[in-house]
Amino acid sequence: MDRNIETLEPTERTEMSKEFKVKAGLFLAGVSGISAIIGFGVTVVSAKKQDPVYFGKGMIPTKELPETGASLALRALGWGTLYAVAGCGILCYGIWKLSGANNLQEFRYKMGSILPPIPKNNPPQGRTEFSGLNDLLDYLQHQKGARDR
């Protein structure tokens, strides 16, 4: 990886550039964000379809409940997101620091030496293409039956 950037092919130069990495990160963040928004929206619409009367009551504060259900849910979602991101970040940072690696390449090498190797499946020992879900389930059922014999 210590090669001079002028000696690289144009495709290698593009892949190694910071601009490419930034674009890839933005794309990943965008896809993740859009997926989260769509998932949350589908959940809200589903709840509204199931019981529109109580859904409407949860949007308006009353004397008994000064906080609406929607604001309570958003607050819980915010705290849950904060705890999940912070917990995962602390866990990953702790594992990285315990490994003693200084960069991502060292970390990858150290984890590769600690963890068991992933076996190669070349050539594939089973089917890899199915025409549909029924075909997949039939294949799995017959494989289980063959192992039980």
Protein backbone atom coordinates (compact mmCIF):
# COMPACT_ATOMS: atom_id res chain seq x y z
CA MET A 1 0.00 0.00 0.00
CA ASP A 2 3.05 2.29 0.09
CA ARG A 3 3.07 2.63 -3.69
CA ASN A 4 3.37 6.07 -5.23
CA ILE A 5 0.02 7.41 -6.43
CA GLU A 6 1.51 8.44 -9.81
CA THR A 7 2.37 4.80 -10.62
CA LEU A 8 -1.18 3.58 -10.00
CA GLU A 9 -3.75 2.92 -12.68
CA PRO A 10 -6.60 5.48 -12.90
CA THR A 11 -9.08 3.11 -11.26
CA GLU A 12 -6.75 2.43 -8.34
CA ARG A 13 -6.08 6.15 -7.97
CA THR A 14 -9.83 6.84 -7.78
CA GLU A 15 -10.46 4.10 -5.24
CA MET A 16 -7.67 5.29 -2.98
CA SER A 17 -8.59 8.96 -3.11
CA LYS A 18 -10.22 10.66 -0.16
CA GLU A 19 -12.96 11.99 -2.41
CA PHE A 20 -14.04 8.46 -3.28
CA LYS A 21 -14.13 7.49 0.40
CA VAL A 22 -16.17 10.58 1.29
CA LYS A 23 -18.64 9.89 -1.51
CA ALA A 24 -18.95 6.26 -0.43
CA GLY A 25 -19.55 7.31 3.18
CA LEU A 26 -22.17 9.87 2.16
CA PHE A 27 -23.91 7.29 -0.02
CA LEU A 28 -23.99 4.77 2.82
CA ALA A 29 -25.26 7.39 5.28
CA GLY A 30 -27.91 8.53 2.80
CA VAL A 31 -29.19 5.02 2.14
CA SER A 32 -29.27 4.27 5.87
CA GLY A 33 -31.09 7.51 6.66
CA ILE A 34 -33.68 7.03 3.94
CA SER A 35 -34.25 3.44 5.08
CA ALA A 36 -34.76 4.56 8.68
CA ILE A 37 -37.21 7.29 7.67
CA ILE A 38 -39.18 4.91 5.46
CA GLY A 39 -39.28 2.25 8.19
CA PHE A 40 -40.45 4.75 10.81
CA GLY A 41 -43.07 6.16 8.43
CA VAL A 42 -44.44 2.72 7.58
CA THR A 43 -44.71 1.92 11.30
CA VAL A 44 -46.63 5.15 12.01
CA VAL A 45 -49.00 4.56 9.09
CA SER A 46 -49.57 0.97 10.23
CA ALA A 47 -50.41 2.11 13.77
CA LYS A 48 -52.79 4.75 12.42
CA LYS A 49 -54.59 2.19 10.23
CA GLN A 50 -55.00 -0.27 13.11
CA ASP A 51 -56.70 2.15 15.50
CA PRO A 52 -57.28 5.67 14.16
CA VAL A 53 -59.31 6.81 17.22
CA TYR A 54 -56.61 6.13 19.79
CA PHE A 55 -53.93 7.29 17.38
CA GLY A 56 -55.68 10.68 17.24
CA LYS A 57 -55.99 10.78 21.03
CA GLY A 58 -52.27 10.18 21.35
CA MET A 59 -51.55 13.29 19.28
CA ILE A 60 -53.44 15.73 21.55
CA PRO A 61 -52.39 16.37 25.18
CA THR A 62 -55.10 16.08 27.85
CA LYS A 63 -55.40 16.96 31.55
CA GLU A 64 -54.68 13.37 32.55
CA LEU A 65 -51.73 13.02 30.18
CA PRO A 66 -49.96 16.36 29.68
CA GLU A 67 -47.49 14.78 27.25
CA THR A 68 -48.72 13.36 23.96
CA GLY A 69 -47.94 9.81 22.96
CA ALA A 70 -46.09 11.03 19.90
CA SER A 71 -43.74 13.28 21.89
CA LEU A 72 -43.15 10.50 24.43
CA ALA A 73 -42.34 8.08 21.61
CA LEU A 74 -39.98 10.56 19.95
CA ARG A 75 -38.19 11.18 23.24
CA ALA A 76 -37.83 7.43 23.80
CA LEU A 77 -36.57 7.00 20.23
CA GLY A 78 -33.99 9.73 20.75
CA TRP A 79 -32.67 8.27 24.00
CA GLY A 80 -32.66 4.75 22.56
CA THR A 81 -30.71 5.93 19.52
CA LEU A 82 -28.20 7.76 21.72
CA TYR A 83 -27.67 4.70 23.93
CA ALA A 84 -27.34 2.35 20.93
CA VAL A 85 -24.84 4.53 19.06
CA ALA A 86 -22.82 5.32 22.19
CA GLY A 87 -22.78 1.70 23.35
CA CYS A 88 -21.75 0.33 19.97
CA GLY A 89 -19.12 3.03 19.58
CA ILE A 90 -17.64 2.37 23.03
CA LEU A 91 -17.63 -1.39 22.38
CA CYS A 92 -15.87 -1.03 19.01
CA TYR A 93 -13.38 1.52 20.39
CA GLY A 94 -12.63 -0.74 23.35
CA ILE A 95 -11.98 -3.77 21.15
CA TRP A 96 -9.75 -1.68 18.90
CA LYS A 97 -7.73 -0.31 21.83
CA LEU A 98 -7.42 -3.75 23.46
CA SER A 99 -6.07 -5.17 20.21
CA GLY A 100 -3.22 -2.66 20.27
CA ALA A 101 -3.64 -1.70 16.62
CA ASN A 102 -2.69 1.76 15.40
CA ASN A 103 -4.68 1.78 12.18
CA LEU A 104 -7.40 -0.20 10.43
CA GLN A 105 -4.97 -2.41 8.49
CA GLU A 106 -3.20 -3.52 11.68
CA PHE A 107 -6.57 -4.16 13.32
CA ARG A 108 -7.69 -6.28 10.36
CA TYR A 109 -4.46 -8.29 10.48
CA LYS A 110 -4.66 -8.85 14.25
CA MET A 111 -8.33 -9.89 14.15
CA GLY A 112 -7.55 -12.20 11.23
CA SER A 113 -4.87 -13.92 13.28
CA ILE A 114 -7.09 -14.23 16.39
CA LEU A 115 -10.37 -15.31 14.80
CA PRO A 116 -10.75 -18.66 13.01
CA PRO A 117 -10.47 -18.53 9.21
CA ILE A 118 -13.61 -18.56 7.10
CA PRO A 119 -13.61 -21.76 5.03
CA LYS A 120 -13.61 -21.37 1.27
CA ASN A 121 -16.63 -22.78 -0.55
CA ASN A 122 -15.04 -23.18 -3.96
CA PRO A 123 -16.58 -24.99 -5.77
CA PRO A 124 -19.91 -24.56 -3.99
CA GLN A 125 -20.99 -27.74 -2.24
CA GLY A 126 -24.69 -26.95 -2.44
CA ARG A 127 -27.13 -25.08 -4.61
CA THR A 128 -26.77 -21.32 -4.73
CA GLU A 129 -29.57 -20.30 -7.11
CA PHE A 130 -33.29 -20.85 -6.49
CA SER A 131 -36.30 -19.98 -8.62
CA GLY A 132 -38.33 -18.86 -5.62
CA LEU A 133 -39.01 -19.27 -1.93
CA ASN A 134 -40.81 -22.60 -2.43
CA ASP A 135 -37.80 -23.99 -4.29
CA LEU A 136 -35.48 -22.87 -1.47
CA LEU A 137 -37.70 -24.37 1.24
CA ASP A 138 -38.01 -27.68 -0.65
CA TYR A 139 -34.22 -27.81 -1.01
CA LEU A 140 -33.69 -27.12 2.70
CA GLN A 141 -36.27 -29.74 3.68
CA HIS A 142 -34.64 -32.40 1.50
CA GLN A 143 -31.16 -31.51 2.80
CA LYS A 144 -32.36 -31.90 6.41
CA GLY A 145 -33.96 -35.24 5.53
CA ALA A 146 -30.74 -36.44 3.90
CA ARG A 147 -28.70 -35.51 7.00
CA ASP A 148 -31.14 -37.28 9.35
CA ARG A 149 -30.78 -40.62 7.53
